[in-house]
Amino acid sequence: MSRDASNRRVISVIIARKGSRGVPGKNMREVGGRPLLEYMLETASEAAREVDMDIVLSTDSTEMQDLALRKCIQAPFIRPDELSKDDIPSLPVVKHAVEYMETTKDLRYGYIAYLQPTCPLCRPSTIVEALKTIMHDKTYDSAVAVTEVETHPFRMKRVIGKNTLINYIDQGFEDMRPRQILPKVYRRAGSVYASKRNIVMEQNTLVGANTAAIVVGAEEAIDVDSELDLKLVDFLLRQHGKQD
């Protein structure tokens, strides 16, 4: 197996369990007339036209495995039970997929992208930009899709004691400034995390200390976590003409 530090091989790992606490069977629920998972499978495939990479699905579901194979996405294993529980974080699942592929193919990847199918409006260009950023700019170890928050932290509150309202971030005054002049704040979109191999496999984190922001719009950053999210995404997909 090559240990060349300049290795530019890329692997994109899509993880999808059959279980879900908030939305039963979420990854195979239909939105726009197609399974939720199908959109990220296709998005990753389109991104692979610009960045040469292996794409692998890590799943505990033979139904999702079959869907991936029909879409020409690699799905060579069923995820072990110990990595399929609802309290298992994403990191060991991604590492397992990378280790499996490196062992099977007898190679070593240089870059790893972690993609979530719960963000069906993610664009191929976002994946491409994240990977190209860490491949060509030595400043960054990682690149993450982010979007501007709708509710600024300066306007967030806490309730303490019986029913006392206080500012979540205490500035010493009640901030009533217009939204337009508040400093911009972002949250992770949830769709794309790209890192150099050593960040994930050796430092044991999906995001390194030096991370580039890949800013995306509010629609692209919808991360399905409820029935309402499913209905919203279904509506948007039909509006955009992406339904089956």
Protein backbone atom coordinates (compact mmCIF):
# COMPACT_ATOMS: atom_id res chain seq x y z
CA MET A 1 0.00 0.00 0.00
CA SER A 2 1.43 3.36 -0.99
CA ARG A 3 2.33 5.69 1.90
CA ASP A 4 3.07 8.65 -0.39
CA ALA A 5 2.14 11.82 1.54
CA SER A 6 1.34 13.56 -1.75
CA ASN A 7 -1.37 11.02 -2.56
CA ARG A 8 -4.32 12.82 -4.09
CA ARG A 9 -6.78 9.92 -4.01
CA VAL A 10 -10.21 10.92 -2.73
CA ILE A 11 -12.95 8.90 -1.07
CA SER A 12 -16.44 10.20 -0.35
CA VAL A 13 -18.34 8.27 2.32
CA ILE A 14 -22.14 8.48 2.47
CA ILE A 15 -23.57 7.04 5.68
CA ALA A 16 -27.20 5.96 5.95
CA ARG A 17 -28.85 3.84 8.64
CA LYS A 18 -32.22 2.16 8.29
CA GLY A 19 -33.25 3.39 11.73
CA SER A 20 -34.06 6.94 12.81
CA ARG A 21 -35.46 8.31 16.05
CA GLY A 22 -37.16 11.43 14.72
CA VAL A 23 -38.37 10.17 11.33
CA PRO A 24 -38.84 6.38 10.99
CA GLY A 25 -37.13 4.97 7.90
CA LYS A 26 -35.98 8.50 7.04
CA ASN A 27 -33.32 7.70 4.44
CA MET A 28 -35.75 5.72 2.28
CA ARG A 29 -38.74 8.02 2.73
CA GLU A 30 -39.95 9.52 -0.54
CA VAL A 31 -39.44 13.21 -1.27
CA GLY A 32 -40.14 14.51 -4.73
CA GLY A 33 -41.23 10.98 -5.61
CA ARG A 34 -37.87 9.36 -4.83
CA PRO A 35 -36.06 8.02 -1.74
CA LEU A 36 -34.25 10.70 0.26
CA LEU A 37 -30.96 8.81 -0.05
CA GLU A 38 -31.09 8.81 -3.83
CA TYR A 39 -30.43 12.55 -4.07
CA MET A 40 -27.05 12.46 -2.33
CA LEU A 41 -26.04 9.37 -4.30
CA GLU A 42 -26.68 11.30 -7.51
CA THR A 43 -25.09 14.50 -6.19
CA ALA A 44 -21.89 12.67 -5.29
CA SER A 45 -21.83 11.00 -8.71
CA GLU A 46 -22.09 14.38 -10.41
CA ALA A 47 -19.31 15.79 -8.22
CA ALA A 48 -17.11 12.85 -9.26
CA ARG A 49 -17.15 14.18 -12.81
CA GLU A 50 -14.97 17.08 -11.63
CA VAL A 51 -13.01 15.44 -8.80
CA ASP A 52 -11.93 11.86 -9.40
CA MET A 53 -12.99 9.89 -6.35
CA ASP A 54 -14.33 6.64 -5.00
CA ILE A 55 -17.84 6.92 -3.56
CA VAL A 56 -18.94 4.37 -0.99
CA LEU A 57 -22.18 3.93 0.92
CA SER A 58 -21.97 2.68 4.51
CA THR A 59 -25.32 1.24 5.50
CA ASP A 60 -26.90 -1.49 7.61
CA SER A 61 -29.73 -1.89 5.07
CA THR A 62 -29.72 -4.25 2.09
CA GLU A 63 -32.46 -2.10 0.55
CA MET A 64 -30.22 0.98 0.61
CA GLN A 65 -27.26 -1.11 -0.53
CA ASP A 66 -29.28 -2.23 -3.56
CA LEU A 67 -30.29 1.37 -4.33
CA ALA A 68 -26.66 2.47 -4.25
CA LEU A 69 -25.58 -0.34 -6.55
CA ARG A 70 -28.34 0.57 -9.02
CA LYS A 71 -26.92 4.10 -9.01
CA CYS A 72 -23.41 2.74 -9.65
CA ILE A 73 -22.24 3.70 -6.16
CA GLN A 74 -19.95 1.28 -4.34
CA ALA A 75 -21.64 -0.50 -1.41
CA PRO A 76 -19.41 -3.53 -0.83
CA PHE A 77 -20.39 -4.26 2.78
CA ILE A 78 -23.22 -4.14 5.28
CA ARG A 79 -22.19 -2.02 8.24
CA PRO A 80 -21.48 -4.06 11.42
CA ASP A 81 -24.19 -4.03 14.09
CA GLU A 82 -21.92 -2.32 16.61
CA LEU A 83 -21.63 0.66 14.24
CA SER A 84 -25.34 0.81 13.44
CA LYS A 85 -26.79 1.85 16.78
CA ASP A 86 -28.52 5.22 17.01
CA ASP A 87 -26.00 6.56 19.54
CA ILE A 88 -22.91 5.81 17.45
CA PRO A 89 -21.19 9.01 16.22
CA SER A 90 -20.27 9.47 12.58
CA LEU A 91 -16.49 9.34 13.00
CA PRO A 92 -16.05 5.57 13.63
CA VAL A 93 -18.50 4.82 10.81
CA VAL A 94 -16.51 6.92 8.35
CA LYS A 95 -13.21 5.43 9.54
CA HIS A 96 -14.56 1.90 9.14
CA ALA A 97 -15.57 2.61 5.53
CA VAL A 98 -12.19 4.15 4.69
CA GLU A 99 -10.27 1.28 6.29
CA TYR A 100 -12.42 -1.27 4.46
CA MET A 101 -11.86 0.38 1.08
CA GLU A 102 -8.13 0.91 1.62
CA THR A 103 -7.66 -2.71 2.62
CA THR A 104 -9.81 -4.08 -0.19
CA LYS A 105 -8.26 -1.89 -2.89
CA ASP A 106 -4.73 -1.98 -1.42
CA LEU A 107 -4.32 1.78 -1.56
CA ARG A 108 -4.23 4.83 0.66
CA TYR A 109 -6.49 7.84 0.24
CA GLY A 110 -5.23 11.38 0.68
CA TYR A 111 -8.59 13.09 1.22
CA ILE A 112 -11.87 12.05 2.80
CA ALA A 113 -15.31 13.59 2.31
CA TYR A 114 -18.17 12.70 4.61
CA LEU A 115 -21.60 13.28 3.02
CA GLN A 116 -25.01 13.12 4.68
CA PRO A 117 -28.08 12.01 2.68
CA THR A 118 -30.32 14.03 5.01
CA CYS A 119 -29.34 17.11 2.96
CA PRO A 120 -30.95 16.27 -0.40
CA LEU A 121 -30.63 19.81 -1.77
CA CYS A 122 -26.84 19.75 -1.51
CA ARG A 123 -25.20 20.75 -4.81
CA PRO A 124 -22.37 18.85 -6.52
CA SER A 125 -20.44 22.13 -6.70
CA THR A 126 -20.36 22.29 -2.89
CA ILE A 127 -18.64 18.91 -2.67
CA VAL A 128 -16.23 19.89 -5.44
CA GLU A 129 -15.39 23.24 -3.83
CA ALA A 130 -14.77 21.64 -0.42
CA LEU A 131 -12.41 19.04 -1.85
CA LYS A 132 -10.57 21.39 -4.18
CA THR A 133 -10.07 23.85 -1.32
CA ILE A 134 -8.17 21.38 0.86
CA MET A 135 -6.38 19.86 -2.13
CA HIS A 136 -5.01 23.17 -3.43
CA ASP A 137 -4.77 25.44 -0.37
CA LYS A 138 -2.25 24.22 2.21
CA THR A 139 -3.72 26.63 4.76
CA TYR A 140 -6.62 24.29 5.41
CA ASP A 141 -6.90 20.79 6.82
CA SER A 142 -10.68 20.65 6.35
CA ALA A 143 -13.57 22.35 4.58
CA VAL A 144 -17.15 22.37 5.84
CA ALA A 145 -20.42 23.53 4.29
CA VAL A 146 -22.00 26.26 6.44
CA THR A 147 -24.96 28.61 6.18
CA GLU A 148 -25.86 31.88 7.88
CA VAL A 149 -28.09 31.43 10.93
CA GLU A 150 -31.65 32.75 10.82
CA THR A 151 -31.78 33.64 14.52
CA HIS A 152 -28.69 35.49 15.70
CA PRO A 153 -27.15 34.30 19.00
CA PHE A 154 -27.36 37.86 20.36
CA ARG A 155 -31.16 37.48 20.22
CA MET A 156 -31.28 34.07 21.87
CA LYS A 157 -32.53 33.66 25.43
CA ARG A 158 -32.41 31.30 28.39
CA VAL A 159 -35.04 30.72 31.03
CA ILE A 160 -33.63 30.20 34.53
CA GLY A 161 -35.22 29.69 37.91
CA LYS A 162 -38.99 29.71 37.90
CA ASN A 163 -39.49 31.78 34.76
CA THR A 164 -36.72 34.39 34.49
CA LEU A 165 -35.63 35.39 31.00
CA ILE A 166 -31.96 36.21 30.43
CA ASN A 167 -29.74 36.65 27.37
CA TYR A 168 -27.99 33.51 26.15
CA ILE A 169 -24.94 35.70 25.44
CA ASP A 170 -24.62 38.41 28.06
CA GLN A 171 -23.38 41.64 26.48
CA GLY A 172 -24.50 43.78 29.41
CA PHE A 173 -27.42 45.20 27.46
CA GLU A 174 -30.46 44.12 25.46
CA ASP A 175 -29.32 43.99 21.81
CA MET A 176 -32.05 45.56 19.66
CA ARG A 177 -29.85 46.38 16.68
CA PRO A 178 -31.26 45.57 13.21
CA ARG A 179 -30.27 42.14 11.90
CA GLN A 180 -28.43 43.71 8.97
CA ILE A 181 -25.76 45.29 11.17
CA LEU A 182 -25.16 42.34 13.47
CA PRO A 183 -21.97 40.34 12.79
CA LYS A 184 -22.71 37.35 10.58
CA VAL A 185 -22.85 33.99 12.31
CA TYR A 186 -22.91 30.60 10.62
CA ARG A 187 -23.89 27.03 11.48
CA ARG A 188 -22.81 23.77 9.89
CA ALA A 189 -25.10 22.88 6.99
CA GLY A 190 -24.68 19.18 7.76
CA SER A 191 -24.13 18.13 4.16
CA VAL A 192 -20.39 18.12 3.43
CA TYR A 193 -17.30 17.64 5.57
CA ALA A 194 -13.99 17.25 3.72
CA SER A 195 -10.62 16.66 5.37
CA LYS A 196 -7.13 15.44 4.71
CA ARG A 197 -6.73 11.79 5.61
CA ASN A 198 -4.58 12.32 8.70
CA ILE A 199 -7.24 14.55 10.30
CA VAL A 200 -9.82 11.75 10.23
CA MET A 201 -7.71 8.63 10.52
CA GLU A 202 -4.93 9.82 12.85
CA GLN A 203 -6.28 12.84 14.72
CA ASN A 204 -9.66 11.11 15.10
CA THR A 205 -11.87 14.02 14.13
CA LEU A 206 -13.97 14.83 11.08
CA VAL A 207 -12.96 18.50 11.16
CA GLY A 208 -9.44 19.83 11.73
CA ALA A 209 -8.30 22.97 13.51
CA ASN A 210 -7.77 24.91 10.27
CA THR A 211 -11.09 24.71 8.47
CA ALA A 212 -12.37 26.54 5.40
CA ALA A 213 -15.98 27.68 5.22
CA ILE A 214 -17.97 26.67 2.14
CA VAL A 215 -20.94 29.01 2.43
CA VAL A 216 -24.25 27.72 1.03
CA GLY A 217 -27.78 29.08 0.91
CA ALA A 218 -30.58 28.28 3.34
CA GLU A 219 -32.33 25.81 1.02
CA GLU A 220 -29.19 23.80 0.38
CA ALA A 221 -28.58 23.64 4.13
CA ILE A 222 -31.90 22.01 5.04
CA ASP A 223 -31.01 18.93 7.09
CA VAL A 224 -34.01 16.59 7.35
CA ASP A 225 -34.70 15.80 10.99
CA SER A 226 -38.50 15.93 11.23
CA GLU A 227 -41.69 15.25 9.31
CA LEU A 228 -41.96 18.99 8.69
CA ASP A 229 -38.51 19.00 7.11
CA LEU A 230 -39.58 16.15 4.81
CA LYS A 231 -42.65 18.10 3.69
CA LEU A 232 -40.58 21.23 3.07
CA VAL A 233 -37.97 19.36 1.03
CA ASP A 234 -40.68 17.56 -0.93
CA PHE A 235 -42.25 20.92 -1.80
CA LEU A 236 -38.92 22.48 -2.82
CA LEU A 237 -37.89 19.50 -4.96
CA ARG A 238 -41.20 19.62 -6.81
CA GLN A 239 -40.84 23.39 -7.26
CA HIS A 240 -37.33 22.92 -8.67
CA GLY A 241 -38.42 20.12 -10.98
CA LYS A 242 -36.20 17.47 -9.34
CA GLN A 243 -38.97 15.02 -8.65
CA ASP A 244 -39.21 11.60 -10.34
